C-alpha atoms as a PDB file:
ATOM      1  CA  MET A   1     120.942  24.640 -21.366  1.00  0.00           C
ATOM      2  CA  GLN A   2     117.439  26.607 -20.741  1.00  0.00           C
ATOM      3  CA  ALA A   3     117.073  27.915 -17.285  1.00  0.00           C
ATOM      4  CA  LYS A   4     114.097  25.811 -14.981  1.00  0.00           C
ATOM      5  CA  SER A   5     110.775  27.922 -14.756  1.00  0.00           C
ATOM      6  CA  ILE A   6     109.597  28.840 -11.159  1.00  0.00           C
ATOM      7  CA  ASN A   7     106.177  27.508 -11.193  1.00  0.00           C
ATOM      8  CA  ILE A   8     104.269  29.074  -8.294  1.00  0.00           C
ATOM      9  CA  LEU A   9     100.692  28.497  -7.135  1.00  0.00           C
ATOM     10  CA  GLY A  10      98.998  31.427  -6.176  1.00  0.00           C
ATOM     11  CA  ILE A  11      95.849  31.344  -3.509  1.00  0.00           C
ATOM     12  CA  GLU A  12      93.440  34.647  -3.119  1.00  0.00           C
ATOM     13  CA  THR A  13      90.526  34.528  -0.352  1.00  0.00           C
ATOM     14  CA  SER A  14      90.394  37.886   0.294  1.00  0.00           C
ATOM     15  CA  CYS A  15      86.696  38.705  -0.083  1.00  0.00           C
ATOM     16  CA  ASP A  16      84.162  36.983  -2.111  1.00  0.00           C
ATOM     17  CA  GLU A  17      86.233  34.763  -4.729  1.00  0.00           C
ATOM     18  CA  THR A  18      87.753  31.185  -4.208  1.00  0.00           C
ATOM     19  CA  ALA A  19      91.053  31.620  -6.709  1.00  0.00           C
ATOM     20  CA  ALA A  20      94.055  29.479  -7.302  1.00  0.00           C
ATOM     21  CA  ALA A  21      96.385  29.942  -9.996  1.00  0.00           C
ATOM     22  CA  VAL A  22      99.760  28.428 -11.775  1.00  0.00           C
ATOM     23  CA  VAL A  23     101.870  31.109 -12.725  1.00  0.00           C
ATOM     24  CA  ALA A  24     105.621  30.303 -13.930  1.00  0.00           C
ATOM     25  CA  ASP A  25     108.553  33.029 -14.101  1.00  0.00           C
ATOM     26  CA  GLY A  26     106.070  35.723 -13.105  1.00  0.00           C
ATOM     27  CA  ARG A  27     104.187  35.825 -16.662  1.00  0.00           C
ATOM     28  CA  ILE A  28     103.275  32.723 -17.995  1.00  0.00           C
ATOM     29  CA  VAL A  29      99.743  31.871 -16.641  1.00  0.00           C
ATOM     30  CA  LYS A  30      99.259  27.772 -16.879  1.00  0.00           C
ATOM     31  CA  SER A  31      96.241  28.063 -14.888  1.00  0.00           C
ATOM     32  CA  ALA A  32      93.401  30.414 -13.436  1.00  0.00           C
ATOM     33  CA  VAL A  33      90.629  28.813 -11.833  1.00  0.00           C
ATOM     34  CA  VAL A  34      87.827  31.383  -9.747  1.00  0.00           C
ATOM     35  CA  SER A  35      84.848  30.664  -8.026  1.00  0.00           C
ATOM     36  CA  SER A  36      82.154  33.577  -7.728  1.00  0.00           C
ATOM     37  CA  GLN A  37      80.242  33.616  -4.848  1.00  0.00           C
ATOM     38  CA  SER A  38      78.115  36.811  -6.433  1.00  0.00           C
ATOM     39  CA  LYS A  39      74.825  34.833  -6.358  1.00  0.00           C
ATOM     40  CA  LEU A  40      75.253  33.751  -2.573  1.00  0.00           C
ATOM     41  CA  HIS A  41      75.654  37.665  -1.854  1.00  0.00           C
ATOM     42  CA  GLU A  42      73.226  38.922  -4.393  1.00  0.00           C
ATOM     43  CA  LYS A  43      69.999  39.390  -2.390  1.00  0.00           C
ATOM     44  CA  TYR A  44      72.023  41.403   0.548  1.00  0.00           C
ATOM     45  CA  GLY A  45      73.844  43.729  -2.067  1.00  0.00           C
ATOM     46  CA  GLY A  46      76.929  43.124  -0.462  1.00  0.00           C
ATOM     47  CA  VAL A  47      79.058  40.703   0.528  1.00  0.00           C
ATOM     48  CA  VAL A  48      78.298  38.922   4.086  1.00  0.00           C
ATOM     49  CA  PRO A  49      81.617  37.767   5.580  1.00  0.00           C
ATOM     50  CA  GLU A  50      79.891  34.591   7.302  1.00  0.00           C
ATOM     51  CA  ILE A  51      78.884  33.394   3.669  1.00  0.00           C
ATOM     52  CA  ALA A  52      81.920  33.908   1.835  1.00  0.00           C
ATOM     53  CA  SER A  53      84.194  32.304   4.842  1.00  0.00           C
ATOM     54  CA  ARG A  54      81.941  29.142   4.203  1.00  0.00           C
ATOM     55  CA  ALA A  55      81.992  29.190   0.617  1.00  0.00           C
ATOM     56  CA  HIS A  56      85.597  29.722   0.766  1.00  0.00           C
ATOM     57  CA  LEU A  57      85.718  26.676   3.052  1.00  0.00           C
ATOM     58  CA  GLU A  58      83.973  24.443   0.596  1.00  0.00           C
ATOM     59  CA  GLN A  59      85.745  25.669  -2.473  1.00  0.00           C
ATOM     60  CA  ILE A  60      89.247  26.256  -1.394  1.00  0.00           C
ATOM     61  CA  TYR A  61      90.787  22.664  -2.156  1.00  0.00           C
ATOM     62  CA  PRO A  62      88.573  21.842  -5.459  1.00  0.00           C
ATOM     63  CA  VAL A  63      89.880  25.139  -6.624  1.00  0.00           C
ATOM     64  CA  ILE A  64      93.236  24.690  -6.077  1.00  0.00           C
ATOM     65  CA  ALA A  65      92.917  20.844  -7.288  1.00  0.00           C
ATOM     66  CA  GLU A  66      91.483  22.302 -10.560  1.00  0.00           C
ATOM     67  CA  ALA A  67      94.147  24.918 -11.020  1.00  0.00           C
ATOM     68  CA  MET A  68      97.181  22.103 -10.857  1.00  0.00           C
ATOM     69  CA  ALA A  69      95.348  19.883 -12.998  1.00  0.00           C
ATOM     70  CA  GLU A  70      95.029  22.749 -15.349  1.00  0.00           C
ATOM     71  CA  ALA A  71      98.347  23.607 -15.502  1.00  0.00           C
ATOM     72  CA  LYS A  72      99.145  19.896 -15.776  1.00  0.00           C
ATOM     73  CA  VAL A  73     101.820  20.089 -12.865  1.00  0.00           C
ATOM     74  CA  SER A  74     102.336  18.064  -9.559  1.00  0.00           C
ATOM     75  CA  LYS A  75     103.044  19.285  -6.369  1.00  0.00           C
ATOM     76  CA  ASP A  76     106.565  18.172  -7.299  1.00  0.00           C
ATOM     77  CA  GLU A  77     106.550  20.808 -10.108  1.00  0.00           C
ATOM     78  CA  ILE A  78     105.713  23.703  -7.342  1.00  0.00           C
ATOM     79  CA  ASP A  79     108.607  26.057  -6.444  1.00  0.00           C
ATOM     80  CA  ALA A  80     106.820  27.995  -4.155  1.00  0.00           C
ATOM     81  CA  ILE A  81     103.061  28.496  -2.713  1.00  0.00           C
ATOM     82  CA  ALA A  82     101.877  31.902  -2.313  1.00  0.00           C
ATOM     83  CA  VAL A  83      98.952  33.694  -0.691  1.00  0.00           C
ATOM     84  CA  ALA A  84      97.160  36.816  -0.290  1.00  0.00           C
ATOM     85  CA  ASN A  85      97.089  37.230   3.642  1.00  0.00           C
ATOM     86  CA  GLN A  86      96.167  41.132   3.427  1.00  0.00           C
ATOM     87  CA  PRO A  87      94.131  43.425   3.187  1.00  0.00           C
ATOM     88  CA  GLY A  88      90.397  41.898   3.729  1.00  0.00           C
ATOM     89  CA  LEU A  89      88.042  40.160   5.322  1.00  0.00           C
ATOM     90  CA  THR A  90      89.982  38.435   8.140  1.00  0.00           C
ATOM     91  CA  ILE A  91      87.220  35.693   7.944  1.00  0.00           C
ATOM     92  CA  ALA A  92      88.308  35.018   4.449  1.00  0.00           C
ATOM     93  CA  LEU A  93      91.582  35.229   4.508  1.00  0.00           C
ATOM     94  CA  VAL A  94      92.239  32.724   6.823  1.00  0.00           C
ATOM     95  CA  VAL A  95      90.923  30.107   4.889  1.00  0.00           C
ATOM     96  CA  GLY A  96      93.485  30.737   2.086  1.00  0.00           C
ATOM     97  CA  VAL A  97      96.340  31.258   4.551  1.00  0.00           C
ATOM     98  CA  THR A  98      95.486  28.126   6.187  1.00  0.00           C
ATOM     99  CA  ALA A  99      95.315  26.048   3.110  1.00  0.00           C
ATOM    100  CA  ALA A 100      98.687  27.484   2.252  1.00  0.00           C
ATOM    101  CA  LYS A 101     100.242  27.193   5.094  1.00  0.00           C
ATOM    102  CA  THR A 102      99.097  23.345   5.105  1.00  0.00           C
ATOM    103  CA  LEU A 103     100.323  22.712   1.709  1.00  0.00           C
ATOM    104  CA  SER A 104     103.725  24.026   2.113  1.00  0.00           C
ATOM    105  CA  PHE A 105     104.239  21.814   5.515  1.00  0.00           C
ATOM    106  CA  VAL A 106     102.938  18.931   3.871  1.00  0.00           C
ATOM    107  CA  TRP A 107     104.513  19.387   0.374  1.00  0.00           C
ATOM    108  CA  GLY A 108     108.142  21.112   1.711  1.00  0.00           C
ATOM    109  CA  LYS A 109     107.689  24.581  -0.261  1.00  0.00           C
ATOM    110  CA  PRO A 110     108.337  27.831   0.555  1.00  0.00           C
ATOM    111  CA  LEU A 111     105.467  29.700   1.791  1.00  0.00           C
ATOM    112  CA  ILE A 112     105.121  33.877   0.179  1.00  0.00           C
ATOM    113  CA  ALA A 113     102.922  36.128   1.713  1.00  0.00           C
ATOM    114  CA  ILE A 114     101.080  39.249  -0.409  1.00  0.00           C
ATOM    115  CA  ASN A 115      99.311  42.200  -0.319  1.00  0.00           C
ATOM    116  CA  HIS A 116      96.369  41.547  -1.975  1.00  0.00           C
ATOM    117  CA  LEU A 117      96.302  45.389  -2.778  1.00  0.00           C
ATOM    118  CA  HIS A 118     100.008  45.606  -4.482  1.00  0.00           C
ATOM    119  CA  ALA A 119      98.929  42.212  -6.361  1.00  0.00           C
ATOM    120  CA  HIS A 120      95.910  44.245  -8.298  1.00  0.00           C
ATOM    121  CA  LEU A 121      98.932  46.337  -9.458  1.00  0.00           C
ATOM    122  CA  GLN A 122     101.148  43.316 -10.973  1.00  0.00           C
ATOM    123  CA  SER A 123      98.229  42.682 -13.075  1.00  0.00           C
ATOM    124  CA  ALA A 124      98.400  45.704 -14.904  1.00  0.00           C
ATOM    125  CA  MET A 125     102.113  44.744 -15.134  1.00  0.00           C
ATOM    126  CA  LEU A 126     101.681  41.393 -16.078  1.00  0.00           C
ATOM    127  CA  ALA A 127     102.283  41.766 -20.154  1.00  0.00           C
ATOM    128  CA  GLU A 128     104.606  44.467 -19.749  1.00  0.00           C
ATOM    129  CA  GLU A 129     108.370  43.743 -20.570  1.00  0.00           C
ATOM    130  CA  LYS A 130     109.598  47.452 -20.469  1.00  0.00           C
ATOM    131  CA  LEU A 131     108.530  49.129 -17.615  1.00  0.00           C
ATOM    132  CA  GLU A 132     108.951  52.827 -17.355  1.00  0.00           C
ATOM    133  CA  LEU A 133     109.015  53.661 -14.034  1.00  0.00           C
ATOM    134  CA  PRO A 134     108.563  55.493 -11.800  1.00  0.00           C
ATOM    135  CA  ALA A 135     104.781  54.860 -12.285  1.00  0.00           C
ATOM    136  CA  ALA A 136     101.660  56.485 -10.570  1.00  0.00           C
ATOM    137  CA  ALA A 137     100.055  53.444  -9.214  1.00  0.00           C
ATOM    138  CA  LEU A 138      96.137  53.549  -8.942  1.00  0.00           C
ATOM    139  CA  ILE A 139      94.148  50.698  -7.564  1.00  0.00           C
ATOM    140  CA  VAL A 140      90.007  51.025  -7.427  1.00  0.00           C
ATOM    141  CA  SER A 141      88.314  48.365  -5.727  1.00  0.00           C
ATOM    142  CA  GLY A 142      85.276  47.463  -3.684  1.00  0.00           C
ATOM    143  CA  GLY A 143      86.885  48.000  -0.422  1.00  0.00           C
ATOM    144  CA  HIS A 144      90.167  50.111  -1.366  1.00  0.00           C
ATOM    145  CA  THR A 145      90.952  53.049  -3.428  1.00  0.00           C
ATOM    146  CA  CYS A 146      94.661  53.742  -3.338  1.00  0.00           C
ATOM    147  CA  LEU A 147      97.551  55.531  -5.383  1.00  0.00           C
ATOM    148  CA  TYR A 148     100.779  54.310  -4.821  1.00  0.00           C
ATOM    149  CA  ASP A 149     104.342  55.257  -5.967  1.00  0.00           C
ATOM    150  CA  CYS A 150     106.000  52.584  -7.916  1.00  0.00           C
ATOM    151  CA  GLU A 151     109.356  52.279  -8.296  1.00  0.00           C
ATOM    152  CA  SER A 152     109.552  48.032  -8.971  1.00  0.00           C
ATOM    153  CA  PRO A 153     106.934  45.458  -8.267  1.00  0.00           C
ATOM    154  CA  LEU A 154     108.479  45.134  -4.425  1.00  0.00           C
ATOM    155  CA  GLU A 155     109.070  49.034  -4.231  1.00  0.00           C
ATOM    156  CA  LEU A 156     105.609  50.973  -3.595  1.00  0.00           C
ATOM    157  CA  GLU A 157     105.347  53.708  -1.486  1.00  0.00           C
ATOM    158  CA  LEU A 158     101.481  54.511  -0.475  1.00  0.00           C
ATOM    159  CA  LEU A 159     100.579  58.073  -1.395  1.00  0.00           C
ATOM    160  CA  GLY A 160      97.069  58.247  -0.740  1.00  0.00           C
ATOM    161  CA  SER A 161      93.832  56.054   0.238  1.00  0.00           C
ATOM    162  CA  THR A 162      90.237  56.445   0.946  1.00  0.00           C
ATOM    163  CA  ILE A 163      89.136  57.798   4.542  1.00  0.00           C
ATOM    164  CA  ASP A 164      86.087  56.228   4.148  1.00  0.00           C
ATOM    165  CA  ASP A 165      83.914  54.937   1.436  1.00  0.00           C
ATOM    166  CA  ALA A 166      86.022  53.488  -1.333  1.00  0.00           C
ATOM    167  CA  ALA A 167      84.897  53.993  -5.039  1.00  0.00           C
ATOM    168  CA  GLY A 168      83.850  50.513  -5.816  1.00  0.00           C
ATOM    169  CA  GLU A 169      81.939  50.242  -2.005  1.00  0.00           C
ATOM    170  CA  ALA A 170      80.052  53.747  -3.346  1.00  0.00           C
ATOM    171  CA  PHE A 171      79.210  52.225  -7.010  1.00  0.00           C
ATOM    172  CA  ASP A 172      77.264  49.286  -4.804  1.00  0.00           C
ATOM    173  CA  LYS A 173      75.421  51.466  -2.572  1.00  0.00           C
ATOM    174  CA  VAL A 174      74.544  53.709  -5.177  1.00  0.00           C
ATOM    175  CA  ALA A 175      73.105  50.632  -7.345  1.00  0.00           C
ATOM    176  CA  THR A 176      71.181  49.437  -4.356  1.00  0.00           C
ATOM    177  CA  ILE A 177      69.737  53.160  -4.147  1.00  0.00           C
ATOM    178  CA  LEU A 178      68.984  53.121  -7.539  1.00  0.00           C
ATOM    179  CA  LYS A 179      67.556  48.953  -7.102  1.00  0.00           C
ATOM    180  CA  LEU A 180      69.846  47.623 -10.138  1.00  0.00           C
ATOM    181  CA  PRO A 181      71.367  44.334  -9.673  1.00  0.00           C
ATOM    182  CA  TYR A 182      74.618  43.473  -7.350  1.00  0.00           C
ATOM    183  CA  PRO A 183      77.514  43.568  -8.193  1.00  0.00           C
ATOM    184  CA  GLY A 184      76.734  47.419  -8.345  1.00  0.00           C
ATOM    185  CA  GLY A 185      79.732  48.539 -10.818  1.00  0.00           C
ATOM    186  CA  PRO A 186      78.882  46.799 -13.970  1.00  0.00           C
ATOM    187  CA  SER A 187      75.199  47.820 -13.043  1.00  0.00           C
ATOM    188  CA  ILE A 188      76.003  51.373 -12.652  1.00  0.00           C
ATOM    189  CA  GLU A 189      78.032  51.288 -16.045  1.00  0.00           C
ATOM    190  CA  LYS A 190      75.590  49.548 -18.267  1.00  0.00           C
ATOM    191  CA  ALA A 191      73.142  52.195 -16.679  1.00  0.00           C
ATOM    192  CA  ALA A 192      75.367  55.292 -17.721  1.00  0.00           C
ATOM    193  CA  LYS A 193      75.790  54.232 -21.141  1.00  0.00           C
ATOM    194  CA  ASN A 194      72.315  55.493 -21.601  1.00  0.00           C
ATOM    195  CA  GLY A 195      72.645  58.617 -19.916  1.00  0.00           C
ATOM    196  CA  ASN A 196      73.861  61.904 -19.638  1.00  0.00           C
ATOM    197  CA  PRO A 197      76.478  62.357 -17.676  1.00  0.00           C
ATOM    198  CA  GLU A 198      76.138  66.196 -17.148  1.00  0.00           C
ATOM    199  CA  ALA A 199      72.279  65.645 -15.937  1.00  0.00           C
ATOM    200  CA  ILE A 200      73.068  66.271 -12.436  1.00  0.00           C
ATOM    201  CA  LYS A 201      76.173  67.931 -10.685  1.00  0.00           C
ATOM    202  CA  PHE A 202      77.155  65.674  -7.777  1.00  0.00           C
ATOM    203  CA  PRO A 203      80.007  66.886  -5.872  1.00  0.00           C
ATOM    204  CA  ARG A 204      83.271  65.967  -5.963  1.00  0.00           C
ATOM    205  CA  SER A 205      85.293  65.457  -2.900  1.00  0.00           C
ATOM    206  CA  LEU A 206      88.506  66.596  -3.590  1.00  0.00           C
ATOM    207  CA  LEU A 207      89.984  67.129   0.095  1.00  0.00           C
ATOM    208  CA  GLY A 208      92.161  70.036  -0.303  1.00  0.00           C
ATOM    209  CA  PRO A 209      94.572  71.275  -3.457  1.00  0.00           C
ATOM    210  CA  GLU A 210      97.202  68.732  -3.029  1.00  0.00           C
ATOM    211  CA  SER A 211      95.457  65.641  -0.756  1.00  0.00           C
ATOM    212  CA  LEU A 212      95.665  62.545  -2.642  1.00  0.00           C
ATOM    213  CA  ASP A 213      93.164  60.362  -0.576  1.00  0.00           C
ATOM    214  CA  PHE A 214      90.022  59.919  -1.447  1.00  0.00           C
ATOM    215  CA  SER A 215      86.744  60.276  -0.123  1.00  0.00           C
ATOM    216  CA  PHE A 216      83.397  59.065  -1.747  1.00  0.00           C
ATOM    217  CA  SER A 217      80.947  59.047   0.757  1.00  0.00           C
ATOM    218  CA  GLY A 218      79.900  62.388   0.224  1.00  0.00           C
ATOM    219  CA  VAL A 219      78.640  61.532  -3.781  1.00  0.00           C
ATOM    220  CA  LYS A 220      76.945  58.474  -2.343  1.00  0.00           C
ATOM    221  CA  THR A 221      74.976  60.457   0.241  1.00  0.00           C
ATOM    222  CA  ALA A 222      74.063  62.936  -2.417  1.00  0.00           C
ATOM    223  CA  VAL A 223      72.697  60.211  -4.600  1.00  0.00           C
ATOM    224  CA  LEU A 224      70.269  59.193  -2.207  1.00  0.00           C
ATOM    225  CA  TYR A 225      68.880  62.589  -1.141  1.00  0.00           C
ATOM    226  CA  TYR A 226      68.560  63.396  -4.886  1.00  0.00           C
ATOM    227  CA  CYS A 227      66.233  59.929  -4.717  1.00  0.00           C
ATOM    228  CA  ARG A 228      64.853  60.372  -0.753  1.00  0.00           C
ATOM    229  CA  GLY A 229      64.762  63.960   0.021  1.00  0.00           C
ATOM    230  CA  GLN A 230      67.183  65.844   2.001  1.00  0.00           C
ATOM    231  CA  ASP A 231      64.939  64.958   5.283  1.00  0.00           C
ATOM    232  CA  MET A 232      65.034  61.078   3.960  1.00  0.00           C
ATOM    233  CA  LYS A 233      61.024  61.437   5.129  1.00  0.00           C
ATOM    234  CA  GLY A 234      60.076  61.704   1.349  1.00  0.00           C
ATOM    235  CA  GLU A 235      58.659  59.370  -0.946  1.00  0.00           C
ATOM    236  CA  ASP A 236      61.503  57.133  -2.277  1.00  0.00           C
ATOM    237  CA  LYS A 237      61.344  58.438  -5.706  1.00  0.00           C
ATOM    238  CA  VAL A 238      62.932  55.316  -7.680  1.00  0.00           C
ATOM    239  CA  ASP A 239      60.424  53.057  -7.819  1.00  0.00           C
ATOM    240  CA  SER A 240      58.968  56.231 -10.134  1.00  0.00           C
ATOM    241  CA  MET A 241      61.635  56.816 -11.852  1.00  0.00           C
ATOM    242  CA  SER A 242      61.864  56.177 -15.710  1.00  0.00           C
ATOM    243  CA  GLU A 243      64.787  54.292 -16.968  1.00  0.00           C
ATOM    244  CA  ASP A 244      66.197  57.319 -18.827  1.00  0.00           C
ATOM    245  CA  GLU A 245      66.236  58.897 -15.290  1.00  0.00           C
ATOM    246  CA  LYS A 246      68.050  56.504 -13.597  1.00  0.00           C
ATOM    247  CA  ALA A 247      70.443  56.205 -16.642  1.00  0.00           C
ATOM    248  CA  ASP A 248      71.144  60.316 -16.020  1.00  0.00           C
ATOM    249  CA  ILE A 249      71.806  59.160 -12.034  1.00  0.00           C
ATOM    250  CA  ALA A 250      74.067  56.385 -12.859  1.00  0.00           C
ATOM    251  CA  ALA A 251      76.265  58.350 -15.328  1.00  0.00           C
ATOM    252  CA  SER A 252      76.191  61.630 -13.464  1.00  0.00           C
ATOM    253  CA  PHE A 253      77.264  59.502 -10.246  1.00  0.00           C
ATOM    254  CA  GLN A 254      80.224  57.296 -12.426  1.00  0.00           C
ATOM    255  CA  GLU A 255      81.072  61.026 -14.089  1.00  0.00           C
ATOM    256  CA  ALA A 256      81.864  62.200 -10.311  1.00  0.00           C
ATOM    257  CA  ILE A 257      83.795  59.347  -9.263  1.00  0.00           C
ATOM    258  CA  ILE A 258      86.074  59.247 -12.522  1.00  0.00           C
ATOM    259  CA  ASP A 259      86.704  63.279 -12.311  1.00  0.00           C
ATOM    260  CA  VAL A 260      87.969  62.622  -8.674  1.00  0.00           C
ATOM    261  CA  LEU A 261      90.202  59.623  -9.853  1.00  0.00           C
ATOM    262  CA  LEU A 262      91.507  61.432 -12.749  1.00  0.00           C
ATOM    263  CA  THR A 263      92.364  64.211 -10.687  1.00  0.00           C
ATOM    264  CA  LYS A 264      94.132  62.661  -7.720  1.00  0.00           C
ATOM    265  CA  THR A 265      95.979  60.596 -10.515  1.00  0.00           C
ATOM    266  CA  GLN A 266      96.969  63.932 -11.963  1.00  0.00           C
ATOM    267  CA  ARG A 267      98.397  64.858  -8.566  1.00  0.00           C
ATOM    268  CA  ALA A 268     100.275  61.757  -7.834  1.00  0.00           C
ATOM    269  CA  VAL A 269     102.017  62.188 -11.583  1.00  0.00           C
ATOM    270  CA  GLU A 270     103.141  65.322 -11.167  1.00  0.00           C
ATOM    271  CA  LYS A 271     104.334  64.600  -7.496  1.00  0.00           C
ATOM    272  CA  ILE A 272     106.765  61.959  -8.382  1.00  0.00           C
ATOM    273  CA  GLY A 273     107.632  62.795 -11.979  1.00  0.00           C
ATOM    274  CA  ALA A 274     105.714  59.133 -12.761  1.00  0.00           C
ATOM    275  CA  ASN A 275     106.186  58.225 -16.637  1.00  0.00           C
ATOM    276  CA  THR A 276     103.662  55.569 -16.633  1.00  0.00           C
ATOM    277  CA  ILE A 277     100.393  54.859 -14.662  1.00  0.00           C
ATOM    278  CA  LEU A 278      99.098  51.617 -13.526  1.00  0.00           C
ATOM    279  CA  LEU A 279      95.522  50.746 -13.000  1.00  0.00           C
ATOM    280  CA  GLY A 280      94.093  47.730 -11.186  1.00  0.00           C
ATOM    281  CA  GLY A 281      91.644  46.816  -9.234  1.00  0.00           C
ATOM    282  CA  GLY A 282      87.836  45.698 -10.025  1.00  0.00           C
ATOM    283  CA  VAL A 283      86.408  49.044 -10.661  1.00  0.00           C
ATOM    284  CA  ALA A 284      89.760  49.357 -13.572  1.00  0.00           C
ATOM    285  CA  ALA A 285      87.152  47.070 -15.516  1.00  0.00           C
ATOM    286  CA  ASN A 286      84.943  50.197 -16.181  1.00  0.00           C
ATOM    287  CA  SER A 287      85.427  51.450 -19.724  1.00  0.00           C
ATOM    288  CA  GLU A 288      84.642  54.882 -19.331  1.00  0.00           C
ATOM    289  CA  LEU A 289      87.313  55.012 -16.711  1.00  0.00           C
ATOM    290  CA  ARG A 290      89.668  53.476 -19.054  1.00  0.00           C
ATOM    291  CA  ALA A 291      88.831  55.238 -21.806  1.00  0.00           C
ATOM    292  CA  ARG A 292      89.285  58.893 -19.859  1.00  0.00           C
ATOM    293  CA  LEU A 293      92.417  57.839 -18.408  1.00  0.00           C
ATOM    294  CA  GLN A 294      93.646  56.712 -21.635  1.00  0.00           C
ATOM    295  CA  LYS A 295      92.826  60.400 -23.122  1.00  0.00           C
ATOM    296  CA  MET A 296      94.485  61.959 -20.518  1.00  0.00           C
ATOM    297  CA  CYS A 297      97.998  60.562 -20.845  1.00  0.00           C
ATOM    298  CA  ASP A 298      97.573  60.455 -24.230  1.00  0.00           C
ATOM    299  CA  GLU A 299      96.861  64.684 -24.419  1.00  0.00           C
ATOM    300  CA  ALA A 300      99.780  65.088 -21.422  1.00  0.00           C
ATOM    301  CA  GLU A 301     102.441  67.453 -22.216  1.00  0.00           C
ATOM    302  CA  GLU A 302     104.536  64.707 -22.259  1.00  0.00           C
ATOM    303  CA  PRO A 303     102.283  61.940 -22.883  1.00  0.00           C
ATOM    304  CA  LYS A 304     102.599  58.914 -20.406  1.00  0.00           C
ATOM    305  CA  LYS A 305     101.869  54.916 -20.336  1.00  0.00           C
ATOM    306  CA  LEU A 306      98.851  53.581 -19.410  1.00  0.00           C
ATOM    307  CA  LEU A 307      98.901  49.752 -18.179  1.00  0.00           C
ATOM    308  CA  VAL A 308      95.840  48.499 -17.327  1.00  0.00           C
ATOM    309  CA  ALA A 309      94.978  45.282 -15.609  1.00  0.00           C
ATOM    310  CA  PRO A 310      93.012  43.016 -18.153  1.00  0.00           C
ATOM    311  CA  LYS A 311      89.633  42.563 -17.485  1.00  0.00           C
ATOM    312  CA  GLN A 312      89.707  39.039 -16.182  1.00  0.00           C
ATOM    313  CA  TYR A 313      92.241  40.211 -13.487  1.00  0.00           C
ATOM    314  CA  CYS A 314      90.980  43.272 -12.752  1.00  0.00           C
ATOM    315  CA  THR A 315      88.497  41.573  -9.924  1.00  0.00           C
ATOM    316  CA  ASP A 316      90.104  39.165  -7.417  1.00  0.00           C
ATOM    317  CA  ASN A 317      92.359  36.403  -8.428  1.00  0.00           C
ATOM    318  CA  ALA A 318      95.469  34.449  -7.936  1.00  0.00           C
ATOM    319  CA  VAL A 319      96.970  35.087 -10.827  1.00  0.00           C
ATOM    320  CA  MET A 320      98.232  38.287  -9.422  1.00  0.00           C
ATOM    321  CA  VAL A 321      99.322  36.399  -6.551  1.00  0.00           C
ATOM    322  CA  GLY A 322     101.468  34.211  -8.222  1.00  0.00           C
ATOM    323  CA  SER A 323     102.751  36.917 -10.599  1.00  0.00           C
ATOM    324  CA  LEU A 324     103.857  38.878  -7.680  1.00  0.00           C
ATOM    325  CA  ALA A 325     105.335  36.527  -5.698  1.00  0.00           C
ATOM    326  CA  TYR A 326     107.622  35.466  -8.338  1.00  0.00           C
ATOM    327  CA  TYR A 327     109.627  38.613  -7.356  1.00  0.00           C
ATOM    328  CA  LYS A 328     109.400  37.622  -4.070  1.00  0.00           C
ATOM    329  CA  TYR A 329     110.712  34.571  -4.831  1.00  0.00           C
ATOM    330  CA  ARG A 330     114.075  35.971  -6.465  1.00  0.00           C
ATOM    331  CA  ALA A 331     114.551  38.253  -3.711  1.00  0.00           C
ATOM    332  CA  GLY A 332     114.346  35.629  -1.067  1.00  0.00           C
ATOM    333  CA  LEU A 333     111.234  37.168   0.702  1.00  0.00           C
ATOM    334  CA  PHE A 334     109.448  34.266   2.102  1.00  0.00           C
ATOM    335  CA  ALA A 335     107.038  33.964   5.236  1.00  0.00           C
ATOM    336  CA  ASP A 336     107.219  31.121   7.892  1.00  0.00           C
ATOM    337  CA  LEU A 337     104.173  28.930   9.164  1.00  0.00           C
ATOM    338  CA  SER A 338     103.347  31.689  11.712  1.00  0.00           C
ATOM    339  CA  LEU A 339     101.901  33.597   9.136  1.00  0.00           C
ATOM    340  CA  GLU A 340      98.579  35.303   9.714  1.00  0.00           C
ATOM    341  CA  ALA A 341      95.941  36.723   8.259  1.00  0.00           C
ATOM    342  CA  LYS A 342      95.173  40.845   8.290  1.00  0.00           C
ATOM    343  CA  ALA A 343      92.312  42.753   7.619  1.00  0.00           C
ATOM    344  CA  SER A 344      94.379  45.760   6.838  1.00  0.00           C
ATOM    345  CA  GLY A 345      97.402  46.155   5.238  1.00  0.00           C
END
């Protein structure tokens, strides 16, 4: 007799995407619905928390209903409800947490709390049946840049994190400096394809020979000074720049970011003796980062396996929430209705 599948409804509202998904047994994606707010925040060049929260309130139940309909499951076929409750924008997280707790109570289903960052790594492991662990796990997103020692989906030890701007945040800010469209990551990547990554030597902040922490405020500031002068009183040169000049700045900036990410990841691999590298988060969609990491893995003295989140699951989504929740369900790690949203975690 075939064992019954475990269907988990995942909910994600940590920033500016309202997402819901139904995932069976941690791997089978029955539905994945995302309502993006990019257009709402575009004119501000970044996410405005109050606008994000209001949009989540408007979209959360329609998105959940659509995910249930797309999966062709009823509430009786849902085994648990999982929600990202940390880290993120508290005012945004609380919308998803409240919805999840309400459904848990009304439907009589277990509630599972998910760390948003850990879920990003689950996206990279989603399709892999034979994990070679330990893995050096790199998360590169708008709000976070972190390295973990991953022993299993539920065993993650933080090795290093950002001390100022995360990589994705730096991409957005440099895109604003160059007057490129929001969100900044895709815009910088697109511009960089036509640029020379060695045109400008922007700084690489490594924070010491053994540090696994990240700092990207320096390279962002270097781009700002390059465009507006060291005293910030000079003419903004961006308006008079050719597309080729902008492309060189974008390519050189991107190269500086990727160099740091690779250096730190290599340090983590050596520190924990990793067999595998995991890559997740919004910036994991960057093609140059993926290619450079693959090359690093292939050329290692002992080649490593690189597992990267599929591009549709790099940005915030609920599939990663439902997938990771399966392992917590199997381990009996449930939350109660006192669960709260947390900005950090």
